[in-house]
Structures are given as C-alpha cells and as structure tokens.
C-alpha cells in the first residue's frame, strides 16, 4: 500500500491470490506469460521500496500515476500463477482506510486536503471505467486479521530465513480456502449468530469468489516478522489456534474455545502494543 506505508513501514501483513495465466484475458495474458519468464522477478521488498519512492516528493504522490506492470509469481504443481501488484487500486483503497483511521489534523499533515480531493476525483473517474476491479492483494497493519487464518491449516505454515530475511507465510489451494470459509461461517453462525467476525469472513469469502478456482492463496506476515521477536515467531501457531477455536465451538466446548481465543488475543495485543511504542 502506498499511502499507509509512510506511517507503519514495514509492519504490514498481506493476503494474496495468485491466479493461473489462463485466468487472464488477452492481451494481459501474453504480458504475464513473458513476465514470468524473466530472469529477475521483483520481490515484496522491491515493491515496498518503489511505493516509498512516491512519498519523497512534496506534496507526496499517494497513488502512482501509472499502473504497475509487475506481479508476484509462483509455480503450483507445474502451473505458473501470478499475483498482479495493481498498485493504483491498492493506493486508492489505502487512502479510504487512512481517512477513516487518522484524526483530521494528522491526516492533513500527511496528505493535504487538496491532494486528497484530487486523488478521490481520479479514483471516481477510474472506477467508472473499471467497475469490476478488485485487488489481488489485501493488507493489514500491525496485525494479521483473525479471519485470514481461517483460510489455512497449521501444516501449511512456512517459516524460513531467505535472502530477504525471515519469512513467515501460509499457502493453500483456492478450493481449500473457500471450503474452510464456508465451514467456519456455519460454525460461527450456529454458535454466535451475527457479528463483526462473521461480517469480515463473509467479505473475505466474497473476495475469493472473484478469482479462478485453481488459484493459490497466500498469507504473508510481511514486515510483521520485524516487529515480533524470533522466539515468539517460532511459537506463533495462529492458524492452529483459530482451527482449535472453531473445533471447540462446533463441539459446544466454550472453555476450550475461550482458551484458543485468549492465546490469539494475547499474541496480537502484544504486537499491536508496539505500534504505540514506535
């Protein structure tokens, strides 16, 4: 996200969808076919550095003038899948979030009103031409939304140290992610009725339905690995805790569900507490 990165870099997590090349219409498909063959594919850190470059001018550029032609690439069972960055759309969506989160004086200091008005006008014109647009990437600052963990199983957790440092992520097939959302919604509605957690999960489920059924879904802790001590990352089994909580609710075991929720709450409250200390 271009806008919020100036405030919280690098403490953001990401939910991404990688679609098979067959999901894209021409001429975009040909572009991604050629792109995926490149020797060097930009990393998440490359995307972050490019977004920060837009914040250097005065006034800052909250949304790129031109759409990015870059994407993340993954090969799944021999099938090449891509996750377009779509930095313009994500920048506009980030601005909407920023407006609702920051107090007016701070918001005016970060992005002057005249810049915001022009950006909103640009978005409205773009959206009129692209009414079905949706991002392949969602992001969250200083935490991973609990509803994201519903999509994954503990055995899909990957915790490695590569060229870009620590990486903690989950990856699963789209069909599995959709199935887990449906099952979780049934359990939550039966046990809790309606509420914010259910609303958020419904939103994620609808978003997933926008993509090809053979897509790959990825939850990446991103910059959050820099906000959590290594030892705590080793012990972070949030997807397992969410699965445990749902299983307990399904069995009518309120005490076990409460214990799982408490583990999640303590873990992510500690991470979010660092936001106010930074």
Foldseek 3Di string as FASTA:
>chain_A
DLQCCVQFPPFKKKKFKWAFLVQDDPPLSVLVVVQVPDPDADDPVNVSVVSVVQVPDVNGQLADPDFDSHWDWDADPNTITTFGQRRRVVSLVVVVVVVVPDDVVVVCVNPNPVNVVVSVVVVVVVCVVVVPDDHRMDMDGLFDDLLVLLQFDLVQWDWDQDPVGTKTKGKDALVSSLVSLVLLLVLCCVQPNDDDSNVVSVVVNVNSVVGDRRMMIMIISGPLVVLDDPVVVVVDRSSNLSVQLSVCSVVVNPVSNVVSVVVVCVSSVVSSVVSVVD
